[in-house]
Amino acid sequence: MSSSDLFVSAEGAEWVNPEPGVIRRIMTYLPEMMLVEVAFESGAVGAAHSHPHIQASYVAEGSFEVTIDGRTEVLKQGGSFIVPPNLVHGVKALEKGRLIDAFTPHRAEFLK
């Protein structure tokens, strides 16, 4: 996929396995923004990390324990969270689920 793709079908996005029990695919992106789908098996962890991007996430399916800057809450399907730049954050899937993540600017390291 290149940044010029304005429409991306589900079949056109390649899944990668960044952590045990976690797969993700880039849905679409431009230099200023990226949309990513992340699927978790029950109990899988998105390890605590930080990055300079703003991240907004939507719980499309399941429930997650979300920690941002030391504050933890449980979010279920339909919930969302936002992570300002450089704050340490991570998630744990309390059941099988999916997050839709938006990043600004795009995550160049996801394209490698």
N, C-alpha and C. Protein backbone atom coordinates (compact mmCIF):
# COMPACT_ATOMS: atom_id res chain seq x y z
N MET A 1 0.85 -1.18 0.00
CA MET A 1 0.00 0.00 0.00
C MET A 1 0.89 1.24 0.00
N SER A 2 0.53 2.22 -0.77
CA SER A 2 1.25 3.48 -0.75
C SER A 2 0.35 4.56 -0.18
N SER A 3 0.96 5.67 0.19
CA SER A 3 0.17 6.74 0.80
C SER A 3 -0.82 7.37 -0.18
N SER A 4 -0.72 7.04 -1.46
CA SER A 4 -1.64 7.60 -2.43
C SER A 4 -2.94 6.81 -2.53
N ASP A 5 -3.03 5.66 -1.84
CA ASP A 5 -4.25 4.86 -1.89
C ASP A 5 -5.35 5.56 -1.09
N LEU A 6 -6.39 6.01 -1.77
CA LEU A 6 -7.49 6.68 -1.09
C LEU A 6 -8.53 5.69 -0.60
N PHE A 7 -8.60 4.52 -1.26
CA PHE A 7 -9.55 3.48 -0.86
C PHE A 7 -8.77 2.19 -0.68
N VAL A 8 -8.98 1.52 0.43
CA VAL A 8 -8.28 0.27 0.70
C VAL A 8 -9.32 -0.75 1.15
N SER A 9 -9.41 -1.86 0.41
CA SER A 9 -10.33 -2.92 0.82
C SER A 9 -9.68 -3.73 1.94
N ALA A 10 -10.49 -4.44 2.69
CA ALA A 10 -9.96 -5.26 3.78
C ALA A 10 -8.96 -6.27 3.25
N GLU A 11 -9.19 -6.78 2.06
CA GLU A 11 -8.29 -7.77 1.47
C GLU A 11 -6.96 -7.15 1.05
N GLY A 12 -6.93 -5.82 0.91
CA GLY A 12 -5.72 -5.15 0.44
C GLY A 12 -4.73 -4.80 1.54
N ALA A 13 -5.09 -5.04 2.79
CA ALA A 13 -4.23 -4.67 3.91
C ALA A 13 -3.57 -5.93 4.49
N GLU A 14 -2.26 -5.89 4.67
CA GLU A 14 -1.51 -7.04 5.16
C GLU A 14 -1.41 -7.02 6.69
N TRP A 15 -1.68 -8.18 7.32
CA TRP A 15 -1.58 -8.31 8.77
C TRP A 15 -0.14 -8.59 9.16
N VAL A 16 0.31 -7.98 10.25
CA VAL A 16 1.61 -8.27 10.85
C VAL A 16 1.37 -8.62 12.32
N ASN A 17 2.36 -9.29 12.93
CA ASN A 17 2.24 -9.80 14.30
C ASN A 17 3.28 -9.12 15.19
N PRO A 18 2.97 -7.92 15.74
CA PRO A 18 3.97 -7.17 16.50
C PRO A 18 4.25 -7.71 17.90
N GLU A 19 3.26 -8.41 18.51
CA GLU A 19 3.41 -8.94 19.87
C GLU A 19 2.61 -10.24 19.96
N PRO A 20 2.91 -11.11 20.91
CA PRO A 20 2.15 -12.36 21.04
C PRO A 20 0.65 -12.10 21.23
N GLY A 21 -0.16 -12.76 20.41
CA GLY A 21 -1.61 -12.62 20.51
C GLY A 21 -2.15 -11.35 19.92
N VAL A 22 -1.31 -10.58 19.21
CA VAL A 22 -1.72 -9.30 18.64
C VAL A 22 -1.35 -9.28 17.16
N ILE A 23 -2.32 -8.91 16.31
CA ILE A 23 -2.03 -8.67 14.90
C ILE A 23 -2.58 -7.30 14.53
N ARG A 24 -1.93 -6.66 13.56
CA ARG A 24 -2.41 -5.34 13.13
C ARG A 24 -2.25 -5.20 11.63
N ARG A 25 -3.06 -4.31 11.07
CA ARG A 25 -2.94 -3.98 9.66
C ARG A 25 -3.19 -2.49 9.49
N ILE A 26 -2.43 -1.91 8.59
CA ILE A 26 -2.63 -0.50 8.24
C ILE A 26 -3.83 -0.44 7.33
N MET A 27 -4.82 0.31 7.72
CA MET A 27 -6.02 0.44 6.91
C MET A 27 -5.80 1.45 5.79
N THR A 28 -5.25 2.61 6.12
CA THR A 28 -4.89 3.62 5.13
C THR A 28 -4.07 4.70 5.82
N TYR A 29 -3.38 5.51 5.04
CA TYR A 29 -2.59 6.58 5.64
C TYR A 29 -2.19 7.63 4.61
N LEU A 30 -1.90 8.79 5.12
CA LEU A 30 -1.22 9.88 4.44
C LEU A 30 -0.13 10.33 5.41
N PRO A 31 0.78 11.19 5.00
CA PRO A 31 1.83 11.61 5.94
C PRO A 31 1.27 12.20 7.24
N GLU A 32 0.11 12.85 7.16
CA GLU A 32 -0.45 13.53 8.32
C GLU A 32 -1.27 12.63 9.24
N MET A 33 -1.68 11.44 8.77
CA MET A 33 -2.58 10.60 9.56
C MET A 33 -2.48 9.14 9.11
N MET A 34 -2.73 8.24 10.06
CA MET A 34 -2.73 6.80 9.75
C MET A 34 -3.87 6.15 10.53
N LEU A 35 -4.56 5.20 9.88
CA LEU A 35 -5.62 4.42 10.51
C LEU A 35 -5.19 2.95 10.52
N VAL A 36 -5.24 2.33 11.71
CA VAL A 36 -4.72 0.97 11.91
C VAL A 36 -5.75 0.15 12.66
N GLU A 37 -5.98 -1.10 12.23
CA GLU A 37 -6.82 -2.04 12.95
C GLU A 37 -5.91 -3.00 13.71
N VAL A 38 -6.20 -3.20 14.99
CA VAL A 38 -5.39 -4.08 15.83
C VAL A 38 -6.31 -5.10 16.48
N ALA A 39 -6.02 -6.39 16.26
CA ALA A 39 -6.84 -7.47 16.82
C ALA A 39 -6.06 -8.17 17.92
N PHE A 40 -6.74 -8.45 19.03
CA PHE A 40 -6.12 -9.06 20.21
C PHE A 40 -6.83 -10.35 20.57
N GLU A 41 -6.07 -11.37 20.92
CA GLU A 41 -6.63 -12.55 21.55
C GLU A 41 -6.89 -12.20 23.02
N SER A 42 -7.76 -12.93 23.67
CA SER A 42 -8.04 -12.70 25.08
C SER A 42 -6.76 -12.80 25.90
N GLY A 43 -6.49 -11.81 26.74
CA GLY A 43 -5.31 -11.79 27.58
C GLY A 43 -4.07 -11.19 26.94
N ALA A 44 -4.12 -10.93 25.64
CA ALA A 44 -2.96 -10.35 24.95
C ALA A 44 -2.72 -8.93 25.44
N VAL A 45 -1.45 -8.54 25.41
CA VAL A 45 -1.03 -7.24 25.93
C VAL A 45 -0.36 -6.41 24.84
N GLY A 46 -0.78 -5.18 24.73
CA GLY A 46 -0.04 -4.17 23.97
C GLY A 46 0.85 -3.50 24.99
N ALA A 47 2.14 -3.86 24.98
CA ALA A 47 3.08 -3.44 26.03
C ALA A 47 3.15 -1.92 26.16
N ALA A 48 3.40 -1.47 27.38
CA ALA A 48 3.53 -0.03 27.65
C ALA A 48 4.64 0.56 26.79
N HIS A 49 4.36 1.69 26.18
CA HIS A 49 5.30 2.36 25.29
C HIS A 49 4.88 3.82 25.15
N SER A 50 5.70 4.60 24.48
CA SER A 50 5.34 5.98 24.16
C SER A 50 5.86 6.31 22.78
N HIS A 51 5.29 7.33 22.19
CA HIS A 51 5.71 7.80 20.87
C HIS A 51 5.28 9.26 20.73
N PRO A 52 5.89 9.99 19.79
CA PRO A 52 5.58 11.41 19.66
C PRO A 52 4.26 11.71 18.95
N HIS A 53 3.56 10.69 18.49
CA HIS A 53 2.31 10.86 17.75
C HIS A 53 1.13 11.03 18.70
N ILE A 54 0.12 11.75 18.27
CA ILE A 54 -1.17 11.73 18.96
C ILE A 54 -1.88 10.46 18.50
N GLN A 55 -2.48 9.73 19.43
CA GLN A 55 -3.20 8.50 19.11
C GLN A 55 -4.61 8.59 19.66
N ALA A 56 -5.59 8.30 18.81
CA ALA A 56 -6.98 8.15 19.23
C ALA A 56 -7.39 6.73 18.90
N SER A 57 -8.02 6.03 19.84
CA SER A 57 -8.39 4.64 19.63
C SER A 57 -9.85 4.41 19.96
N TYR A 58 -10.48 3.55 19.17
CA TYR A 58 -11.89 3.18 19.32
C TYR A 58 -11.96 1.68 19.56
N VAL A 59 -12.70 1.27 20.58
CA VAL A 59 -12.88 -0.16 20.86
C VAL A 59 -14.00 -0.67 19.95
N ALA A 60 -13.60 -1.35 18.88
CA ALA A 60 -14.56 -1.85 17.91
C ALA A 60 -15.21 -3.15 18.38
N GLU A 61 -14.51 -3.89 19.23
CA GLU A 61 -15.01 -5.18 19.69
C GLU A 61 -14.27 -5.55 20.97
N GLY A 62 -14.96 -6.19 21.91
CA GLY A 62 -14.32 -6.68 23.13
C GLY A 62 -14.24 -5.66 24.24
N SER A 63 -13.35 -5.94 25.20
CA SER A 63 -13.10 -4.99 26.30
C SER A 63 -11.62 -5.00 26.62
N PHE A 64 -11.12 -3.85 27.04
CA PHE A 64 -9.70 -3.65 27.26
C PHE A 64 -9.45 -2.89 28.55
N GLU A 65 -8.40 -3.27 29.23
CA GLU A 65 -7.86 -2.49 30.34
C GLU A 65 -6.84 -1.56 29.70
N VAL A 66 -7.08 -0.28 29.78
CA VAL A 66 -6.23 0.72 29.12
C VAL A 66 -5.54 1.55 30.19
N THR A 67 -4.22 1.67 30.06
CA THR A 67 -3.45 2.49 30.99
C THR A 67 -2.77 3.61 30.20
N ILE A 68 -2.99 4.84 30.65
CA ILE A 68 -2.37 6.02 30.04
C ILE A 68 -1.78 6.85 31.15
N ASP A 69 -0.47 7.04 31.12
CA ASP A 69 0.22 7.89 32.09
C ASP A 69 -0.11 7.49 33.53
N GLY A 70 -0.16 6.16 33.79
CA GLY A 70 -0.40 5.66 35.14
C GLY A 70 -1.86 5.54 35.54
N ARG A 71 -2.78 6.01 34.72
CA ARG A 71 -4.22 5.92 35.00
C ARG A 71 -4.81 4.77 34.20
N THR A 72 -5.55 3.87 34.86
CA THR A 72 -6.10 2.69 34.20
C THR A 72 -7.62 2.69 34.27
N GLU A 73 -8.24 2.39 33.14
CA GLU A 73 -9.70 2.24 33.07
C GLU A 73 -10.02 1.07 32.17
N VAL A 74 -11.20 0.49 32.35
CA VAL A 74 -11.68 -0.57 31.48
C VAL A 74 -12.65 0.05 30.48
N LEU A 75 -12.42 -0.24 29.21
CA LEU A 75 -13.29 0.26 28.14
C LEU A 75 -13.86 -0.92 27.39
N LYS A 76 -15.14 -0.85 27.10
CA LYS A 76 -15.84 -1.89 26.34
C LYS A 76 -16.16 -1.38 24.94
N GLN A 77 -16.72 -2.26 24.12
CA GLN A 77 -17.08 -1.92 22.76
C GLN A 77 -17.81 -0.58 22.72
N GLY A 78 -17.38 0.29 21.82
CA GLY A 78 -17.96 1.62 21.69
C GLY A 78 -17.21 2.69 22.46
N GLY A 79 -16.32 2.28 23.39
CA GLY A 79 -15.52 3.25 24.13
C GLY A 79 -14.33 3.73 23.31
N SER A 80 -13.71 4.78 23.77
CA SER A 80 -12.54 5.31 23.06
C SER A 80 -11.60 5.99 24.04
N PHE A 81 -10.37 6.21 23.58
CA PHE A 81 -9.39 6.92 24.39
C PHE A 81 -8.46 7.69 23.47
N ILE A 82 -7.81 8.70 24.04
CA ILE A 82 -6.84 9.50 23.28
C ILE A 82 -5.56 9.58 24.10
N VAL A 83 -4.43 9.50 23.39
CA VAL A 83 -3.12 9.54 24.03
C VAL A 83 -2.35 10.74 23.48
N PRO A 84 -2.11 11.76 24.30
CA PRO A 84 -1.28 12.87 23.86
C PRO A 84 0.16 12.40 23.58
N PRO A 85 0.93 13.18 22.85
CA PRO A 85 2.30 12.79 22.52
C PRO A 85 3.14 12.45 23.76
N ASN A 86 3.94 11.40 23.62
CA ASN A 86 4.98 10.99 24.58
C ASN A 86 4.48 10.46 25.92
N LEU A 87 3.18 10.23 26.10
CA LEU A 87 2.71 9.62 27.34
C LEU A 87 2.83 8.10 27.24
N VAL A 88 3.27 7.47 28.33
CA VAL A 88 3.39 6.01 28.36
C VAL A 88 1.97 5.43 28.44
N HIS A 89 1.71 4.45 27.56
CA HIS A 89 0.38 3.85 27.49
C HIS A 89 0.48 2.39 27.04
N GLY A 90 -0.53 1.61 27.36
CA GLY A 90 -0.59 0.22 26.95
C GLY A 90 -1.98 -0.32 27.20
N VAL A 91 -2.25 -1.52 26.68
CA VAL A 91 -3.57 -2.14 26.85
C VAL A 91 -3.43 -3.63 27.15
N LYS A 92 -4.46 -4.17 27.77
CA LYS A 92 -4.60 -5.61 27.96
C LYS A 92 -6.00 -5.98 27.52
N ALA A 93 -6.11 -6.99 26.64
CA ALA A 93 -7.42 -7.45 26.18
C ALA A 93 -8.04 -8.33 27.26
N LEU A 94 -9.18 -7.93 27.78
CA LEU A 94 -9.87 -8.71 28.80
C LEU A 94 -10.68 -9.84 28.15
N GLU A 95 -10.87 -9.74 26.85
CA GLU A 95 -11.49 -10.76 26.02
C GLU A 95 -11.00 -10.49 24.59
N LYS A 96 -11.29 -11.41 23.70
CA LYS A 96 -10.90 -11.19 22.30
C LYS A 96 -11.51 -9.86 21.83
N GLY A 97 -10.70 -9.05 21.13
CA GLY A 97 -11.23 -7.75 20.72
C GLY A 97 -10.41 -7.08 19.64
N ARG A 98 -10.91 -5.92 19.22
CA ARG A 98 -10.25 -5.13 18.17
C ARG A 98 -10.28 -3.65 18.53
N LEU A 99 -9.18 -2.99 18.26
CA LEU A 99 -9.08 -1.53 18.37
C LEU A 99 -8.88 -0.95 16.99
N ILE A 100 -9.43 0.22 16.76
CA ILE A 100 -9.13 1.01 15.57
C ILE A 100 -8.35 2.22 16.07
N ASP A 101 -7.09 2.30 15.65
CA ASP A 101 -6.18 3.36 16.09
C ASP A 101 -5.96 4.38 14.98
N ALA A 102 -6.03 5.64 15.33
CA ALA A 102 -5.67 6.73 14.41
C ALA A 102 -4.46 7.44 14.99
N PHE A 103 -3.47 7.69 14.15
CA PHE A 103 -2.24 8.37 14.57
C PHE A 103 -2.03 9.61 13.72
N THR A 104 -1.55 10.68 14.36
CA THR A 104 -1.13 11.84 13.62
C THR A 104 0.18 12.35 14.21
N PRO A 105 1.21 12.52 13.38
CA PRO A 105 1.28 12.09 11.98
C PRO A 105 1.33 10.57 11.88
N HIS A 106 1.51 10.05 10.67
CA HIS A 106 1.53 8.59 10.50
C HIS A 106 2.74 7.97 11.21
N ARG A 107 2.65 6.68 11.51
CA ARG A 107 3.72 5.93 12.16
C ARG A 107 4.63 5.35 11.08
N ALA A 108 5.68 6.06 10.73
CA ALA A 108 6.58 5.63 9.66
C ALA A 108 7.17 4.26 9.94
N GLU A 109 7.43 3.93 11.23
CA GLU A 109 8.02 2.63 11.56
C GLU A 109 7.07 1.48 11.26
N PHE A 110 5.77 1.72 11.14
CA PHE A 110 4.83 0.67 10.79
C PHE A 110 4.93 0.30 9.31
N LEU A 111 5.54 1.13 8.52
CA LEU A 111 5.61 0.92 7.08
C LEU A 111 6.82 0.08 6.66
N LYS A 112 7.68 -0.26 7.60
CA LYS A 112 8.89 -1.01 7.27
C LYS A 112 8.65 -2.49 7.23
